[in-house]
Amino acid sequence: MYCRNCGTIVENENQKICELCGATLFGDETVGQVQLPMKWHKFLVYFAIIFGAVLNFITAIGYLTGSVYVSQGAFASDVYYVFPALKPVDMVYAVILIAFSVFDVYVWWNLKGFKTGAYKLVPVTYIIGCVIGVLYQVVITVFIMAPVVDLGSVGGFAEVISSVVTSVVVSVVMAICNKIYYDKRAHLFVN
């Protein structure tokens, strides 16, 4: 038999509650619950959150080692020579990304186990990720690069603004969509 709510195989025919999502089982039907698809939840749990945590960790290592600049055709030593204040900012950014990776794993673990209130962490994750990225962009653009490079002449400032606005819009839309999605499924998070 399968749980109609989350699709988990229920091997014990006498089981009254799904061990994964907490839905009440009756035969192969859920009782008293509106059946909602869980494909987005499964995508987040089985791929997106873990992928995000791994990607943030790899990015953090790139900033800690300076290898992130190799993809841009430069050596970290050369970049840090021109922008000496960038190195400590990169180190702090890397540590924050590592902490955010740990937070992603925490969110994943709670979502996977349908822990009480875990669904509320998903929109928070989008907002935190956005804030981290935007703050890094603002700090390096305004306080580190602007005094050394004329960003207006090379179109750099417009590019940064465009990147920041896009990041904010996408993060806010994703946070709102996930809040709506999970608010409808709040009854599942009871473990």
N, C-alpha and C. Protein backbone atom coordinates (compact mmCIF):
# COMPACT_ATOMS: atom_id res chain seq x y z
N MET A 1 0.85 -1.16 0.00
CA MET A 1 0.00 0.00 0.00
C MET A 1 0.90 1.23 0.00
N TYR A 2 0.38 2.33 -0.51
CA TYR A 2 1.11 3.59 -0.60
C TYR A 2 0.38 4.67 0.17
N CYS A 3 1.15 5.58 0.74
CA CYS A 3 0.55 6.76 1.35
C CYS A 3 0.14 7.69 0.22
N ARG A 4 -1.10 8.07 0.17
CA ARG A 4 -1.59 8.96 -0.89
C ARG A 4 -1.06 10.37 -0.73
N ASN A 5 -0.58 10.67 0.44
CA ASN A 5 -0.12 12.03 0.69
C ASN A 5 1.30 12.27 0.19
N CYS A 6 2.21 11.33 0.50
CA CYS A 6 3.61 11.54 0.11
C CYS A 6 4.15 10.46 -0.82
N GLY A 7 3.38 9.38 -1.04
CA GLY A 7 3.80 8.35 -1.97
C GLY A 7 4.70 7.28 -1.39
N THR A 8 4.96 7.33 -0.09
CA THR A 8 5.82 6.35 0.55
C THR A 8 5.15 4.98 0.58
N ILE A 9 5.94 3.93 0.37
CA ILE A 9 5.42 2.57 0.47
C ILE A 9 5.19 2.26 1.95
N VAL A 10 3.99 1.83 2.28
CA VAL A 10 3.64 1.45 3.65
C VAL A 10 3.53 -0.07 3.65
N GLU A 11 4.50 -0.72 4.29
CA GLU A 11 4.56 -2.18 4.25
C GLU A 11 3.64 -2.84 5.26
N ASN A 12 3.40 -2.20 6.38
CA ASN A 12 2.54 -2.76 7.42
C ASN A 12 1.09 -2.37 7.11
N GLU A 13 0.27 -3.35 6.75
CA GLU A 13 -1.13 -3.09 6.39
C GLU A 13 -1.94 -2.55 7.56
N ASN A 14 -1.50 -2.80 8.79
CA ASN A 14 -2.23 -2.34 9.98
C ASN A 14 -1.80 -0.96 10.44
N GLN A 15 -0.82 -0.39 9.78
CA GLN A 15 -0.29 0.91 10.16
C GLN A 15 -1.35 1.98 9.93
N LYS A 16 -1.55 2.86 10.90
CA LYS A 16 -2.60 3.86 10.80
C LYS A 16 -2.07 5.24 10.40
N ILE A 17 -0.73 5.45 10.57
CA ILE A 17 -0.12 6.74 10.27
C ILE A 17 1.13 6.52 9.43
N CYS A 18 1.29 7.30 8.40
CA CYS A 18 2.50 7.22 7.56
C CYS A 18 3.69 7.68 8.38
N GLU A 19 4.73 6.87 8.42
CA GLU A 19 5.92 7.20 9.20
C GLU A 19 6.70 8.37 8.62
N LEU A 20 6.56 8.63 7.33
CA LEU A 20 7.32 9.71 6.71
C LEU A 20 6.63 11.06 6.84
N CYS A 21 5.34 11.13 6.50
CA CYS A 21 4.68 12.44 6.49
C CYS A 21 3.66 12.63 7.60
N GLY A 22 3.31 11.58 8.33
CA GLY A 22 2.39 11.71 9.44
C GLY A 22 0.92 11.71 9.05
N ALA A 23 0.61 11.48 7.78
CA ALA A 23 -0.78 11.45 7.34
C ALA A 23 -1.47 10.21 7.89
N THR A 24 -2.76 10.35 8.21
CA THR A 24 -3.55 9.23 8.68
C THR A 24 -3.87 8.32 7.50
N LEU A 25 -3.65 7.01 7.71
CA LEU A 25 -3.88 6.04 6.64
C LEU A 25 -5.13 5.22 6.95
N PHE A 26 -5.86 4.90 5.93
CA PHE A 26 -6.98 3.97 6.04
C PHE A 26 -6.95 3.14 4.79
N GLY A 27 -6.50 1.90 4.89
CA GLY A 27 -6.28 1.11 3.69
C GLY A 27 -5.20 1.79 2.89
N ASP A 28 -5.51 2.15 1.64
CA ASP A 28 -4.54 2.91 0.85
C ASP A 28 -5.03 4.34 0.63
N GLU A 29 -5.95 4.80 1.46
CA GLU A 29 -6.48 6.17 1.35
C GLU A 29 -6.09 6.97 2.58
N THR A 30 -5.98 8.24 2.44
CA THR A 30 -5.78 9.12 3.59
C THR A 30 -7.15 9.60 4.02
N VAL A 31 -7.34 9.71 5.31
CA VAL A 31 -8.65 10.10 5.84
C VAL A 31 -8.60 11.54 6.31
N GLY A 32 -9.58 12.32 5.91
CA GLY A 32 -9.73 13.67 6.44
C GLY A 32 -8.73 14.69 5.93
N GLN A 33 -7.94 14.37 4.96
CA GLN A 33 -6.95 15.31 4.44
C GLN A 33 -7.19 15.54 2.96
N VAL A 34 -7.03 16.75 2.53
CA VAL A 34 -7.09 17.05 1.11
C VAL A 34 -5.77 16.56 0.51
N GLN A 35 -5.86 15.82 -0.58
CA GLN A 35 -4.66 15.28 -1.20
C GLN A 35 -3.99 16.36 -2.06
N LEU A 36 -2.77 16.67 -1.73
CA LEU A 36 -2.01 17.66 -2.48
C LEU A 36 -0.75 17.00 -3.02
N PRO A 37 -0.35 17.35 -4.24
CA PRO A 37 0.88 16.77 -4.79
C PRO A 37 2.10 17.23 -3.98
N MET A 38 3.09 16.36 -3.92
CA MET A 38 4.30 16.64 -3.14
C MET A 38 5.55 16.65 -4.02
N LYS A 39 5.39 16.84 -5.32
CA LYS A 39 6.54 16.78 -6.22
C LYS A 39 7.58 17.86 -5.92
N TRP A 40 7.15 19.07 -5.63
CA TRP A 40 8.10 20.15 -5.33
C TRP A 40 8.86 19.82 -4.05
N HIS A 41 8.15 19.33 -3.05
CA HIS A 41 8.80 18.95 -1.79
C HIS A 41 9.86 17.88 -2.05
N LYS A 42 9.51 16.88 -2.84
CA LYS A 42 10.47 15.82 -3.16
C LYS A 42 11.67 16.37 -3.92
N PHE A 43 11.43 17.31 -4.85
CA PHE A 43 12.53 17.92 -5.58
C PHE A 43 13.47 18.66 -4.62
N LEU A 44 12.89 19.41 -3.68
CA LEU A 44 13.71 20.14 -2.71
C LEU A 44 14.50 19.17 -1.84
N VAL A 45 13.82 18.15 -1.33
CA VAL A 45 14.46 17.23 -0.39
C VAL A 45 15.50 16.33 -1.06
N TYR A 46 15.17 15.82 -2.24
CA TYR A 46 16.06 14.85 -2.87
C TYR A 46 17.12 15.47 -3.78
N PHE A 47 17.00 16.78 -4.07
CA PHE A 47 18.00 17.38 -4.95
C PHE A 47 18.38 18.81 -4.56
N ALA A 48 17.45 19.73 -4.64
CA ALA A 48 17.77 21.16 -4.62
C ALA A 48 18.50 21.62 -3.37
N ILE A 49 18.03 21.24 -2.20
CA ILE A 49 18.64 21.74 -0.97
C ILE A 49 20.05 21.18 -0.79
N ILE A 50 20.21 19.90 -1.03
CA ILE A 50 21.54 19.31 -0.90
C ILE A 50 22.48 19.87 -1.97
N PHE A 51 21.99 20.02 -3.18
CA PHE A 51 22.81 20.61 -4.25
C PHE A 51 23.24 22.02 -3.86
N GLY A 52 22.30 22.80 -3.31
CA GLY A 52 22.63 24.16 -2.87
C GLY A 52 23.68 24.17 -1.77
N ALA A 53 23.56 23.24 -0.82
CA ALA A 53 24.54 23.17 0.27
C ALA A 53 25.92 22.83 -0.27
N VAL A 54 25.98 21.85 -1.17
CA VAL A 54 27.27 21.45 -1.76
C VAL A 54 27.85 22.60 -2.59
N LEU A 55 27.01 23.24 -3.39
CA LEU A 55 27.48 24.36 -4.22
C LEU A 55 27.99 25.52 -3.36
N ASN A 56 27.29 25.85 -2.29
CA ASN A 56 27.75 26.90 -1.38
C ASN A 56 29.08 26.53 -0.74
N PHE A 57 29.24 25.25 -0.37
CA PHE A 57 30.49 24.81 0.24
C PHE A 57 31.64 24.89 -0.76
N ILE A 58 31.41 24.44 -1.98
CA ILE A 58 32.45 24.51 -3.02
C ILE A 58 32.82 25.96 -3.33
N THR A 59 31.81 26.83 -3.39
CA THR A 59 32.06 28.25 -3.62
C THR A 59 32.89 28.83 -2.47
N ALA A 60 32.57 28.44 -1.24
CA ALA A 60 33.32 28.91 -0.08
C ALA A 60 34.78 28.50 -0.17
N ILE A 61 35.02 27.27 -0.58
CA ILE A 61 36.41 26.80 -0.74
C ILE A 61 37.12 27.62 -1.81
N GLY A 62 36.40 27.95 -2.88
CA GLY A 62 36.97 28.78 -3.94
C GLY A 62 37.40 30.15 -3.44
N TYR A 63 36.59 30.73 -2.56
CA TYR A 63 36.95 32.04 -2.00
C TYR A 63 38.06 31.91 -0.96
N LEU A 64 38.04 30.84 -0.17
CA LEU A 64 39.10 30.65 0.83
C LEU A 64 40.46 30.46 0.18
N THR A 65 40.49 29.74 -0.93
CA THR A 65 41.76 29.46 -1.61
C THR A 65 42.12 30.51 -2.67
N GLY A 66 41.15 31.33 -3.05
CA GLY A 66 41.38 32.31 -4.10
C GLY A 66 41.22 31.74 -5.49
N SER A 67 40.88 30.46 -5.59
CA SER A 67 40.75 29.83 -6.90
C SER A 67 39.54 30.34 -7.68
N VAL A 68 38.66 31.05 -7.03
CA VAL A 68 37.49 31.60 -7.72
C VAL A 68 37.91 32.60 -8.81
N TYR A 69 39.07 33.20 -8.65
CA TYR A 69 39.53 34.19 -9.62
C TYR A 69 40.19 33.57 -10.85
N VAL A 70 40.58 32.32 -10.74
CA VAL A 70 41.19 31.62 -11.88
C VAL A 70 40.20 31.53 -13.03
N SER A 71 38.93 31.29 -12.72
CA SER A 71 37.91 31.20 -13.78
C SER A 71 37.73 32.53 -14.50
N GLN A 72 38.17 33.60 -13.87
CA GLN A 72 38.08 34.92 -14.49
C GLN A 72 39.40 35.32 -15.14
N GLY A 73 40.32 34.39 -15.20
CA GLY A 73 41.59 34.63 -15.87
C GLY A 73 42.59 35.42 -15.04
N ALA A 74 42.49 35.34 -13.73
CA ALA A 74 43.41 36.08 -12.86
C ALA A 74 43.88 35.18 -11.72
N PHE A 75 44.97 35.58 -11.13
CA PHE A 75 45.45 34.89 -9.94
C PHE A 75 45.00 35.67 -8.72
N ALA A 76 44.70 34.97 -7.65
CA ALA A 76 44.23 35.62 -6.43
C ALA A 76 45.26 36.64 -5.93
N SER A 77 46.53 36.30 -6.03
CA SER A 77 47.57 37.22 -5.54
C SER A 77 47.53 38.55 -6.30
N ASP A 78 47.27 38.49 -7.61
CA ASP A 78 47.19 39.71 -8.40
C ASP A 78 45.95 40.53 -8.03
N VAL A 79 44.83 39.84 -7.86
CA VAL A 79 43.58 40.53 -7.50
C VAL A 79 43.73 41.17 -6.13
N TYR A 80 44.30 40.44 -5.18
CA TYR A 80 44.46 40.97 -3.82
C TYR A 80 45.52 42.08 -3.76
N TYR A 81 46.44 42.09 -4.73
CA TYR A 81 47.42 43.18 -4.79
C TYR A 81 46.74 44.48 -5.19
N VAL A 82 45.83 44.40 -6.18
CA VAL A 82 45.12 45.59 -6.65
C VAL A 82 44.05 46.00 -5.64
N PHE A 83 43.37 45.03 -5.04
CA PHE A 83 42.30 45.29 -4.07
C PHE A 83 42.65 44.60 -2.75
N PRO A 84 43.53 45.16 -1.95
CA PRO A 84 43.99 44.49 -0.73
C PRO A 84 42.87 44.24 0.29
N ALA A 85 41.86 45.07 0.32
CA ALA A 85 40.76 44.89 1.28
C ALA A 85 39.83 43.75 0.87
N LEU A 86 40.00 43.24 -0.34
CA LEU A 86 39.12 42.18 -0.84
C LEU A 86 39.39 40.84 -0.15
N LYS A 87 40.64 40.58 0.21
CA LYS A 87 40.97 39.28 0.80
C LYS A 87 40.21 39.03 2.11
N PRO A 88 40.21 39.95 3.08
CA PRO A 88 39.44 39.67 4.30
C PRO A 88 37.93 39.57 4.04
N VAL A 89 37.44 40.33 3.08
CA VAL A 89 36.02 40.25 2.73
C VAL A 89 35.72 38.87 2.15
N ASP A 90 36.59 38.37 1.29
CA ASP A 90 36.42 37.04 0.71
C ASP A 90 36.46 35.96 1.80
N MET A 91 37.35 36.12 2.78
CA MET A 91 37.45 35.13 3.85
C MET A 91 36.16 35.10 4.69
N VAL A 92 35.66 36.27 5.03
CA VAL A 92 34.40 36.36 5.80
C VAL A 92 33.25 35.78 4.98
N TYR A 93 33.21 36.11 3.70
CA TYR A 93 32.16 35.60 2.81
C TYR A 93 32.22 34.07 2.76
N ALA A 94 33.41 33.52 2.68
CA ALA A 94 33.57 32.06 2.63
C ALA A 94 33.07 31.41 3.92
N VAL A 95 33.40 31.98 5.06
CA VAL A 95 32.94 31.43 6.34
C VAL A 95 31.42 31.50 6.43
N ILE A 96 30.84 32.60 5.96
CA ILE A 96 29.38 32.73 5.96
C ILE A 96 28.75 31.69 5.04
N LEU A 97 29.36 31.45 3.88
CA LEU A 97 28.84 30.42 2.97
C LEU A 97 28.92 29.03 3.58
N ILE A 98 29.97 28.75 4.32
CA ILE A 98 30.07 27.45 4.99
C ILE A 98 28.96 27.32 6.03
N ALA A 99 28.74 28.38 6.80
CA ALA A 99 27.66 28.36 7.80
C ALA A 99 26.30 28.19 7.11
N PHE A 100 26.13 28.83 5.97
CA PHE A 100 24.88 28.71 5.23
C PHE A 100 24.70 27.29 4.69
N SER A 101 25.80 26.64 4.31
CA SER A 101 25.74 25.24 3.87
C SER A 101 25.26 24.34 5.01
N VAL A 102 25.76 24.61 6.21
CA VAL A 102 25.32 23.84 7.38
C VAL A 102 23.84 24.09 7.64
N PHE A 103 23.40 25.33 7.50
CA PHE A 103 21.98 25.66 7.67
C PHE A 103 21.14 24.93 6.62
N ASP A 104 21.62 24.87 5.38
CA ASP A 104 20.92 24.13 4.32
C ASP A 104 20.73 22.66 4.71
N VAL A 105 21.77 22.05 5.26
CA VAL A 105 21.68 20.65 5.68
C VAL A 105 20.65 20.51 6.81
N TYR A 106 20.65 21.46 7.72
CA TYR A 106 19.66 21.46 8.81
C TYR A 106 18.24 21.56 8.26
N VAL A 107 18.02 22.44 7.30
CA VAL A 107 16.70 22.58 6.67
C VAL A 107 16.34 21.28 5.96
N TRP A 108 17.27 20.72 5.21
CA TRP A 108 17.03 19.46 4.50
C TRP A 108 16.62 18.35 5.47
N TRP A 109 17.36 18.23 6.56
CA TRP A 109 17.09 17.17 7.53
C TRP A 109 15.68 17.32 8.12
N ASN A 110 15.30 18.52 8.45
CA ASN A 110 13.99 18.77 9.03
C ASN A 110 12.87 18.58 8.01
N LEU A 111 13.08 19.02 6.78
CA LEU A 111 12.07 18.82 5.73
C LEU A 111 11.90 17.34 5.43
N LYS A 112 13.00 16.64 5.33
CA LYS A 112 12.97 15.21 5.02
C LYS A 112 12.19 14.44 6.07
N GLY A 113 12.31 14.83 7.32
CA GLY A 113 11.63 14.14 8.41
C GLY A 113 10.27 14.71 8.74
N PHE A 114 9.79 15.67 7.95
CA PHE A 114 8.50 16.33 8.19
C PHE A 114 8.41 16.83 9.63
N LYS A 115 9.49 17.46 10.10
CA LYS A 115 9.54 17.99 11.46
C LYS A 115 8.60 19.19 11.59
N THR A 116 8.06 19.36 12.77
CA THR A 116 7.12 20.45 13.02
C THR A 116 7.77 21.79 12.66
N GLY A 117 7.09 22.56 11.83
CA GLY A 117 7.55 23.90 11.45
C GLY A 117 8.68 23.93 10.43
N ALA A 118 9.16 22.77 9.98
CA ALA A 118 10.30 22.74 9.05
C ALA A 118 10.00 23.49 7.76
N TYR A 119 8.76 23.44 7.31
CA TYR A 119 8.38 24.09 6.06
C TYR A 119 8.59 25.61 6.12
N LYS A 120 8.59 26.18 7.32
CA LYS A 120 8.78 27.63 7.46
C LYS A 120 10.22 28.04 7.15
N LEU A 121 11.12 27.08 7.18
CA LEU A 121 12.54 27.38 6.93
C LEU A 121 12.85 27.55 5.44
N VAL A 122 12.00 27.02 4.57
CA VAL A 122 12.30 27.08 3.13
C VAL A 122 12.32 28.52 2.62
N PRO A 123 11.27 29.33 2.86
CA PRO A 123 11.35 30.73 2.40
C PRO A 123 12.49 31.50 3.07
N VAL A 124 12.76 31.17 4.33
CA VAL A 124 13.86 31.82 5.04
C VAL A 124 15.19 31.53 4.34
N THR A 125 15.34 30.32 3.85
CA THR A 125 16.57 29.93 3.14
C THR A 125 16.79 30.80 1.91
N TYR A 126 15.72 31.03 1.14
CA TYR A 126 15.85 31.88 -0.05
C TYR A 126 16.24 33.32 0.32
N ILE A 127 15.62 33.84 1.36
CA ILE A 127 15.91 35.21 1.77
C ILE A 127 17.33 35.35 2.30
N ILE A 128 17.75 34.40 3.14
CA ILE A 128 19.12 34.46 3.68
C ILE A 128 20.15 34.37 2.55
N GLY A 129 19.94 33.45 1.62
CA GLY A 129 20.87 33.32 0.49
C GLY A 129 20.96 34.61 -0.31
N CYS A 130 19.83 35.25 -0.51
CA CYS A 130 19.79 36.53 -1.25
C CYS A 130 20.55 37.61 -0.48
N VAL A 131 20.29 37.72 0.81
CA VAL A 131 20.94 38.75 1.63
C VAL A 131 22.45 38.57 1.62
N ILE A 132 22.90 37.33 1.75
CA ILE A 132 24.35 37.06 1.74
C ILE A 132 24.97 37.52 0.42
N GLY A 133 24.37 37.12 -0.69
CA GLY A 133 24.90 37.49 -2.01
C GLY A 133 24.87 38.98 -2.27
N VAL A 134 23.77 39.63 -1.91
CA VAL A 134 23.63 41.07 -2.14
C VAL A 134 24.62 41.85 -1.28
N LEU A 135 24.75 41.47 -0.02
CA LEU A 135 25.70 42.17 0.84
C LEU A 135 27.13 42.05 0.32
N TYR A 136 27.49 40.86 -0.14
CA TYR A 136 28.83 40.68 -0.70
C TYR A 136 29.03 41.60 -1.91
N GLN A 137 28.06 41.61 -2.82
CA GLN A 137 28.16 42.46 -4.01
C GLN A 137 28.27 43.93 -3.65
N VAL A 138 27.46 44.38 -2.70
CA VAL A 138 27.48 45.80 -2.30
C VAL A 138 28.82 46.14 -1.67
N VAL A 139 29.29 45.29 -0.77
CA VAL A 139 30.56 45.58 -0.09
C VAL A 139 31.71 45.66 -1.08
N ILE A 140 31.83 44.68 -1.98
CA ILE A 140 32.98 44.72 -2.90
C ILE A 140 32.84 45.83 -3.93
N THR A 141 31.61 46.14 -4.32
CA THR A 141 31.43 47.18 -5.34
C THR A 141 31.63 48.58 -4.76
N VAL A 142 30.96 48.87 -3.66
CA VAL A 142 30.97 50.23 -3.12
C VAL A 142 32.23 50.53 -2.33
N PHE A 143 32.66 49.60 -1.50
CA PHE A 143 33.76 49.90 -0.59
C PHE A 143 35.14 49.46 -1.08
N ILE A 144 35.19 48.51 -2.00
CA ILE A 144 36.49 48.00 -2.41
C ILE A 144 36.84 48.40 -3.83
N MET A 145 35.93 48.17 -4.78
CA MET A 145 36.26 48.44 -6.17
C MET A 145 36.05 49.90 -6.57
N ALA A 146 35.00 50.53 -6.10
CA ALA A 146 34.68 51.89 -6.52
C ALA A 146 35.81 52.89 -6.29
N PRO A 147 36.52 52.83 -5.15
CA PRO A 147 37.62 53.78 -4.97
C PRO A 147 38.79 53.58 -5.93
N VAL A 148 38.92 52.37 -6.51
CA VAL A 148 40.06 52.05 -7.36
C VAL A 148 39.71 52.08 -8.84
N VAL A 149 38.51 51.61 -9.19
CA VAL A 149 38.10 51.48 -10.58
C VAL A 149 36.91 52.38 -10.84
N ASP A 150 36.91 53.05 -12.01
CA ASP A 150 35.75 53.85 -12.41
C ASP A 150 34.71 52.92 -13.00
N LEU A 151 33.77 52.48 -12.14
CA LEU A 151 32.77 51.49 -12.56
C LEU A 151 31.81 52.05 -13.60
N GLY A 152 31.59 53.34 -13.60
CA GLY A 152 30.67 53.94 -14.57
C GLY A 152 31.18 53.88 -15.99
N SER A 153 32.51 53.95 -16.16
CA SER A 153 33.05 53.97 -17.51
C SER A 153 33.03 52.60 -18.18
N VAL A 154 33.04 51.55 -17.39
CA VAL A 154 33.07 50.22 -18.00
C VAL A 154 31.72 49.51 -17.90
N GLY A 155 30.71 50.20 -17.41
CA GLY A 155 29.38 49.61 -17.29
C GLY A 155 29.28 48.63 -16.14
N GLY A 156 30.30 48.60 -15.29
CA GLY A 156 30.32 47.66 -14.18
C GLY A 156 29.24 47.91 -13.15
N PHE A 157 28.98 49.19 -12.88
CA PHE A 157 27.98 49.51 -11.86
C PHE A 157 26.59 49.07 -12.31
N ALA A 158 26.26 49.31 -13.57
CA ALA A 158 24.96 48.88 -14.10
C ALA A 158 24.84 47.36 -14.05
N GLU A 159 25.93 46.66 -14.31
CA GLU A 159 25.92 45.21 -14.26
C GLU A 159 25.68 44.71 -12.84
N VAL A 160 26.30 45.35 -11.86
CA VAL A 160 26.12 44.98 -10.46
C VAL A 160 24.68 45.24 -10.03
N ILE A 161 24.14 46.40 -10.39
CA ILE A 161 22.76 46.74 -10.04
C ILE A 161 21.81 45.72 -10.66
N SER A 162 22.02 45.40 -11.91
CA SER A 162 21.18 44.41 -12.59
C SER A 162 21.24 43.06 -11.89
N SER A 163 22.42 42.64 -11.52
CA SER A 163 22.60 41.36 -10.82
C SER A 163 21.90 41.36 -9.47
N VAL A 164 22.04 42.45 -8.73
CA VAL A 164 21.42 42.55 -7.40
C VAL A 164 19.89 42.55 -7.52
N VAL A 165 19.35 43.33 -8.44
CA VAL A 165 17.90 43.40 -8.61
C VAL A 165 17.35 42.04 -9.03
N THR A 166 18.02 41.38 -9.96
CA THR A 166 17.58 40.05 -10.39
C THR A 166 17.59 39.08 -9.23
N SER A 167 18.65 39.08 -8.45
CA SER A 167 18.76 38.19 -7.31
C SER A 167 17.65 38.43 -6.29
N VAL A 168 17.37 39.70 -6.00
CA VAL A 168 16.32 40.03 -5.04
C VAL A 168 14.95 39.60 -5.55
N VAL A 169 14.65 39.91 -6.79
CA VAL A 169 13.34 39.56 -7.36
C VAL A 169 13.13 38.04 -7.37
N VAL A 170 14.12 37.30 -7.83
CA VAL A 170 14.00 35.84 -7.89
C VAL A 170 13.84 35.27 -6.48
N SER A 171 14.62 35.74 -5.53
CA SER A 171 14.55 35.22 -4.16
C SER A 171 13.21 35.52 -3.51
N VAL A 172 12.69 36.73 -3.70
CA VAL A 172 11.40 37.09 -3.11
C VAL A 172 10.29 36.26 -3.73
N VAL A 173 10.30 36.11 -5.05
CA VAL A 173 9.27 35.30 -5.72
C VAL A 173 9.34 33.85 -5.23
N MET A 174 10.54 33.28 -5.15
CA MET A 174 10.68 31.90 -4.68
C MET A 174 10.24 31.76 -3.22
N ALA A 175 10.58 32.73 -2.40
CA ALA A 175 10.16 32.67 -0.99
C ALA A 175 8.64 32.71 -0.87
N ILE A 176 7.99 33.58 -1.63
CA ILE A 176 6.53 33.69 -1.59
C ILE A 176 5.89 32.41 -2.12
N CYS A 177 6.37 31.91 -3.24
CA CYS A 177 5.80 30.68 -3.82
C CYS A 177 5.95 29.49 -2.87
N ASN A 178 7.12 29.38 -2.23
CA ASN A 178 7.33 28.27 -1.30
C ASN A 178 6.48 28.43 -0.04
N LYS A 179 6.28 29.65 0.40
CA LYS A 179 5.41 29.88 1.56
C LYS A 179 3.99 29.44 1.24
N ILE A 180 3.49 29.83 0.09
CA ILE A 180 2.13 29.43 -0.32
C ILE A 180 2.04 27.91 -0.43
N TYR A 181 3.03 27.30 -1.09
CA TYR A 181 3.04 25.85 -1.29
C TYR A 181 3.02 25.13 0.05
N TYR A 182 3.92 25.51 0.96
CA TYR A 182 4.03 24.79 2.23
C TYR A 182 2.95 25.15 3.23
N ASP A 183 2.39 26.34 3.17
CA ASP A 183 1.27 26.67 4.06
C ASP A 183 0.09 25.73 3.82
N LYS A 184 -0.10 25.34 2.56
CA LYS A 184 -1.18 24.40 2.24
C LYS A 184 -0.88 22.98 2.75
N ARG A 185 0.37 22.70 3.03
CA ARG A 185 0.78 21.37 3.46
C ARG A 185 1.28 21.36 4.90
N ALA A 186 0.99 22.40 5.64
CA ALA A 186 1.48 22.53 7.02
C ALA A 186 1.03 21.36 7.90
N HIS A 187 -0.12 20.80 7.61
CA HIS A 187 -0.65 19.70 8.41
C HIS A 187 0.22 18.44 8.33
N LEU A 188 1.09 18.36 7.36
CA LEU A 188 1.97 17.19 7.21
C LEU A 188 3.16 17.23 8.15
N PHE A 189 3.52 18.41 8.61
CA PHE A 189 4.75 18.57 9.41
C PHE A 189 4.41 18.46 10.88
N VAL A 190 4.35 17.22 11.34
CA VAL A 190 3.91 16.94 12.70
C VAL A 190 4.89 16.12 13.51
N ASN A 191 6.00 15.71 12.92
CA ASN A 191 6.96 14.83 13.64
C ASN A 191 7.83 15.62 14.57
